[in-house]
N, C-alpha and C. Protein backbone atom coordinates (compact mmCIF):
# COMPACT_ATOMS: atom_id res chain seq x y z
N MET A 1 -11.00 -22.92 30.96
CA MET A 1 -11.19 -23.79 29.83
C MET A 1 -10.27 -25.00 30.01
N SER A 2 -10.78 -26.12 29.71
CA SER A 2 -9.98 -27.32 29.88
C SER A 2 -8.97 -27.45 28.74
N LYS A 3 -8.00 -28.33 28.96
CA LYS A 3 -6.94 -28.52 27.98
C LYS A 3 -7.49 -29.09 26.67
N LYS A 4 -8.48 -29.98 26.78
CA LYS A 4 -9.07 -30.60 25.59
C LYS A 4 -9.82 -29.56 24.75
N ASN A 5 -10.58 -28.70 25.42
CA ASN A 5 -11.31 -27.66 24.70
C ASN A 5 -10.36 -26.64 24.06
N LEU A 6 -9.26 -26.35 24.75
CA LEU A 6 -8.28 -25.40 24.24
C LEU A 6 -7.63 -25.94 22.95
N GLU A 7 -7.31 -27.24 22.93
CA GLU A 7 -6.73 -27.84 21.72
C GLU A 7 -7.73 -27.83 20.56
N LYS A 8 -9.01 -28.05 20.88
CA LYS A 8 -10.05 -28.05 19.86
C LYS A 8 -10.18 -26.66 19.24
N VAL A 9 -10.12 -25.63 20.06
CA VAL A 9 -10.23 -24.26 19.57
C VAL A 9 -9.03 -23.93 18.69
N LYS A 10 -7.82 -24.37 19.08
CA LYS A 10 -6.63 -24.10 18.29
C LYS A 10 -6.70 -24.75 16.92
N THR A 11 -7.14 -26.01 16.86
CA THR A 11 -7.21 -26.70 15.57
C THR A 11 -8.28 -26.09 14.68
N THR A 12 -9.40 -25.66 15.27
CA THR A 12 -10.46 -25.02 14.49
C THR A 12 -9.96 -23.70 13.92
N THR A 13 -9.21 -22.95 14.73
CA THR A 13 -8.68 -21.67 14.27
C THR A 13 -7.67 -21.87 13.14
N VAL A 14 -6.83 -22.87 13.25
CA VAL A 14 -5.84 -23.15 12.21
C VAL A 14 -6.53 -23.56 10.92
N LYS A 15 -7.56 -24.39 11.01
CA LYS A 15 -8.29 -24.81 9.81
C LYS A 15 -8.97 -23.62 9.15
N ALA A 16 -9.57 -22.74 9.95
CA ALA A 16 -10.25 -21.57 9.40
C ALA A 16 -9.25 -20.60 8.77
N ALA A 17 -8.09 -20.47 9.38
CA ALA A 17 -7.08 -19.55 8.85
C ALA A 17 -6.48 -20.07 7.55
N SER A 18 -6.42 -21.37 7.37
CA SER A 18 -5.84 -21.91 6.15
C SER A 18 -6.76 -21.74 4.95
N LYS A 19 -8.04 -21.52 5.17
CA LYS A 19 -9.00 -21.36 4.09
C LYS A 19 -9.18 -19.90 3.67
N VAL A 20 -8.53 -18.98 4.35
CA VAL A 20 -8.67 -17.56 4.04
C VAL A 20 -7.93 -17.26 2.75
N LYS A 21 -8.64 -16.63 1.81
CA LYS A 21 -8.03 -16.24 0.54
C LYS A 21 -7.45 -14.84 0.69
N ILE A 22 -6.20 -14.70 0.33
CA ILE A 22 -5.53 -13.40 0.44
C ILE A 22 -5.71 -12.66 -0.88
N ASP A 23 -6.35 -11.52 -0.82
CA ASP A 23 -6.54 -10.69 -2.01
C ASP A 23 -5.36 -9.73 -2.13
N MET A 24 -4.73 -9.75 -3.29
CA MET A 24 -3.61 -8.86 -3.54
C MET A 24 -4.15 -7.48 -3.94
N VAL A 25 -3.39 -6.46 -3.62
CA VAL A 25 -3.81 -5.11 -3.94
C VAL A 25 -3.76 -4.88 -5.45
N PHE A 26 -2.69 -5.35 -6.09
CA PHE A 26 -2.53 -5.18 -7.53
C PHE A 26 -2.69 -6.51 -8.23
N SER A 27 -3.19 -6.45 -9.45
CA SER A 27 -3.34 -7.66 -10.25
C SER A 27 -2.15 -7.78 -11.20
N LYS A 28 -2.19 -8.82 -12.02
CA LYS A 28 -1.12 -9.06 -12.99
C LYS A 28 -1.01 -7.91 -13.98
N GLU A 29 -2.16 -7.37 -14.39
CA GLU A 29 -2.16 -6.26 -15.34
C GLU A 29 -1.47 -5.03 -14.77
N ASN A 30 -1.66 -4.78 -13.46
CA ASN A 30 -1.03 -3.63 -12.82
C ASN A 30 0.50 -3.76 -12.86
N TYR A 31 1.00 -4.95 -12.59
CA TYR A 31 2.44 -5.15 -12.60
C TYR A 31 3.01 -5.05 -14.02
N ILE A 32 2.27 -5.53 -15.00
CA ILE A 32 2.72 -5.40 -16.38
C ILE A 32 2.78 -3.93 -16.79
N LEU A 33 1.74 -3.17 -16.44
CA LEU A 33 1.75 -1.73 -16.75
C LEU A 33 2.88 -1.01 -16.03
N ALA A 34 3.16 -1.40 -14.79
CA ALA A 34 4.25 -0.77 -14.05
C ALA A 34 5.59 -1.08 -14.71
N GLY A 35 5.76 -2.28 -15.21
CA GLY A 35 6.99 -2.63 -15.91
C GLY A 35 7.15 -1.85 -17.20
N VAL A 36 6.05 -1.68 -17.92
CA VAL A 36 6.08 -0.88 -19.15
C VAL A 36 6.43 0.57 -18.82
N ALA A 37 5.84 1.09 -17.75
CA ALA A 37 6.12 2.47 -17.35
C ALA A 37 7.59 2.64 -16.99
N PHE A 38 8.16 1.68 -16.28
CA PHE A 38 9.57 1.74 -15.91
C PHE A 38 10.44 1.73 -17.16
N ALA A 39 10.10 0.88 -18.12
CA ALA A 39 10.88 0.79 -19.36
C ALA A 39 10.80 2.09 -20.16
N VAL A 40 9.62 2.70 -20.23
CA VAL A 40 9.46 3.95 -20.98
C VAL A 40 10.25 5.08 -20.32
N VAL A 41 10.21 5.15 -19.00
CA VAL A 41 10.98 6.19 -18.30
C VAL A 41 12.47 5.97 -18.52
N LEU A 42 12.91 4.73 -18.47
CA LEU A 42 14.32 4.42 -18.71
C LEU A 42 14.74 4.81 -20.13
N ILE A 43 13.90 4.53 -21.11
CA ILE A 43 14.19 4.93 -22.49
C ILE A 43 14.28 6.45 -22.59
N GLY A 44 13.38 7.14 -21.89
CA GLY A 44 13.42 8.61 -21.90
C GLY A 44 14.71 9.16 -21.33
N PHE A 45 15.19 8.57 -20.23
CA PHE A 45 16.44 9.03 -19.64
C PHE A 45 17.63 8.69 -20.55
N LEU A 46 17.57 7.56 -21.22
CA LEU A 46 18.64 7.23 -22.16
C LEU A 46 18.65 8.20 -23.35
N LEU A 47 17.46 8.66 -23.76
CA LEU A 47 17.40 9.65 -24.83
C LEU A 47 17.98 11.00 -24.39
N MET A 48 17.89 11.31 -23.11
CA MET A 48 18.44 12.57 -22.60
C MET A 48 19.96 12.56 -22.59
N TYR A 49 20.53 11.37 -22.49
CA TYR A 49 21.99 11.27 -22.45
C TYR A 49 22.56 11.66 -23.81
N GLY A 50 23.53 12.52 -23.79
CA GLY A 50 24.11 12.96 -25.06
C GLY A 50 25.48 13.55 -24.89
N SER A 51 26.02 14.04 -25.97
CA SER A 51 27.36 14.61 -25.93
C SER A 51 27.31 16.06 -25.44
N LYS A 52 28.46 16.57 -25.05
CA LYS A 52 28.54 17.95 -24.54
C LYS A 52 28.59 18.97 -25.66
N GLU A 53 29.00 18.56 -26.85
CA GLU A 53 29.12 19.51 -27.95
C GLU A 53 27.77 20.02 -28.42
N GLU A 54 26.82 19.14 -28.52
CA GLU A 54 25.51 19.51 -29.07
C GLU A 54 24.49 19.57 -27.92
N VAL A 55 24.36 20.75 -27.32
CA VAL A 55 23.50 20.90 -26.15
C VAL A 55 22.04 21.05 -26.55
N TYR A 56 21.76 21.87 -27.53
CA TYR A 56 20.38 22.15 -27.94
C TYR A 56 19.98 21.19 -29.06
N ASN A 57 19.67 19.99 -28.67
CA ASN A 57 19.32 18.94 -29.60
C ASN A 57 17.84 18.61 -29.41
N PHE A 58 17.10 18.39 -30.50
CA PHE A 58 15.68 18.06 -30.41
C PHE A 58 15.44 16.83 -29.55
N ARG A 59 16.29 15.84 -29.71
CA ARG A 59 16.12 14.58 -28.97
C ARG A 59 16.26 14.81 -27.47
N GLN A 60 17.23 15.62 -27.06
CA GLN A 60 17.49 15.83 -25.64
C GLN A 60 16.56 16.87 -25.01
N ILE A 61 16.18 17.86 -25.76
CA ILE A 61 15.40 18.97 -25.21
C ILE A 61 13.89 18.72 -25.29
N THR A 62 13.44 18.08 -26.34
CA THR A 62 11.99 17.93 -26.56
C THR A 62 11.51 16.50 -26.43
N LEU A 63 12.12 15.61 -27.19
CA LEU A 63 11.63 14.24 -27.26
C LEU A 63 11.78 13.49 -25.94
N ALA A 64 12.95 13.55 -25.33
CA ALA A 64 13.21 12.80 -24.10
C ALA A 64 12.27 13.20 -22.95
N PRO A 65 12.05 14.49 -22.68
CA PRO A 65 11.11 14.83 -21.60
C PRO A 65 9.68 14.36 -21.88
N ILE A 66 9.28 14.40 -23.16
CA ILE A 66 7.94 13.91 -23.49
C ILE A 66 7.84 12.42 -23.21
N VAL A 67 8.89 11.66 -23.54
CA VAL A 67 8.88 10.21 -23.29
C VAL A 67 8.88 9.93 -21.79
N VAL A 68 9.64 10.68 -21.01
CA VAL A 68 9.69 10.47 -19.56
C VAL A 68 8.34 10.79 -18.93
N ILE A 69 7.73 11.90 -19.31
CA ILE A 69 6.42 12.25 -18.75
C ILE A 69 5.37 11.21 -19.14
N THR A 70 5.45 10.70 -20.37
CA THR A 70 4.54 9.64 -20.78
C THR A 70 4.73 8.39 -19.91
N GLY A 71 5.98 8.07 -19.60
CA GLY A 71 6.25 6.93 -18.72
C GLY A 71 5.67 7.13 -17.33
N PHE A 72 5.80 8.35 -16.81
CA PHE A 72 5.22 8.63 -15.49
C PHE A 72 3.69 8.54 -15.52
N LEU A 73 3.08 8.99 -16.60
CA LEU A 73 1.63 8.88 -16.73
C LEU A 73 1.19 7.42 -16.81
N ILE A 74 1.96 6.61 -17.51
CA ILE A 74 1.65 5.17 -17.56
C ILE A 74 1.80 4.57 -16.16
N GLY A 75 2.77 5.04 -15.39
CA GLY A 75 2.94 4.57 -14.01
C GLY A 75 1.75 4.92 -13.14
N VAL A 76 1.23 6.13 -13.29
CA VAL A 76 0.03 6.52 -12.54
C VAL A 76 -1.15 5.65 -12.97
N LEU A 77 -1.26 5.41 -14.25
CA LEU A 77 -2.32 4.53 -14.76
C LEU A 77 -2.17 3.12 -14.19
N ALA A 78 -0.94 2.64 -14.07
CA ALA A 78 -0.70 1.30 -13.52
C ALA A 78 -1.15 1.20 -12.07
N ILE A 79 -0.99 2.28 -11.33
CA ILE A 79 -1.43 2.27 -9.93
C ILE A 79 -2.94 2.38 -9.83
N MET A 80 -3.55 3.22 -10.65
CA MET A 80 -4.98 3.48 -10.55
C MET A 80 -5.85 2.44 -11.25
N TYR A 81 -5.28 1.65 -12.16
CA TYR A 81 -6.06 0.69 -12.96
C TYR A 81 -6.66 -0.38 -12.07
N LYS A 82 -7.96 -0.60 -12.23
CA LYS A 82 -8.64 -1.65 -11.50
C LYS A 82 -9.29 -2.58 -12.53
N PRO A 83 -8.82 -3.83 -12.61
CA PRO A 83 -9.37 -4.74 -13.62
C PRO A 83 -10.83 -5.08 -13.33
N LYS A 84 -11.55 -5.43 -14.38
CA LYS A 84 -12.94 -5.80 -14.22
C LYS A 84 -13.05 -7.09 -13.43
N ALA A 85 -14.05 -7.17 -12.58
CA ALA A 85 -14.26 -8.37 -11.77
C ALA A 85 -14.84 -9.49 -12.64
N THR A 86 -14.32 -10.69 -12.44
CA THR A 86 -14.84 -11.84 -13.16
C THR A 86 -15.87 -12.52 -12.29
N HIS A 87 -17.04 -12.76 -12.83
CA HIS A 87 -18.12 -13.38 -12.08
C HIS A 87 -18.05 -14.89 -12.24
N GLY A 88 -18.09 -15.59 -11.13
CA GLY A 88 -18.14 -17.04 -11.16
C GLY A 88 -16.78 -17.70 -11.37
N ALA A 89 -15.71 -16.97 -11.31
CA ALA A 89 -14.39 -17.57 -11.51
C ALA A 89 -13.92 -18.31 -10.27
N ASP A 90 -14.40 -17.90 -9.08
CA ASP A 90 -13.95 -18.53 -7.84
C ASP A 90 -14.75 -19.75 -7.51
């Protein structure tokens, strides 16, 4: 291949590569749900924190684990959620 043809191929490849749209795996909604899940899990762990005198407390034994599990379920939902496709937006 001649040098002129090689330069032409390189510029064509660069132009074609610059027009490629990169599709992200997660959308904005997924990241928002993941942030909410992180916050709920953090709140659940903060609810578990308590004093040593009162070990069998409703907040620490029942409420906090329910909040943490709910946060983990929201996290799974954030990963599995697929937003509806918008037609004609591109």
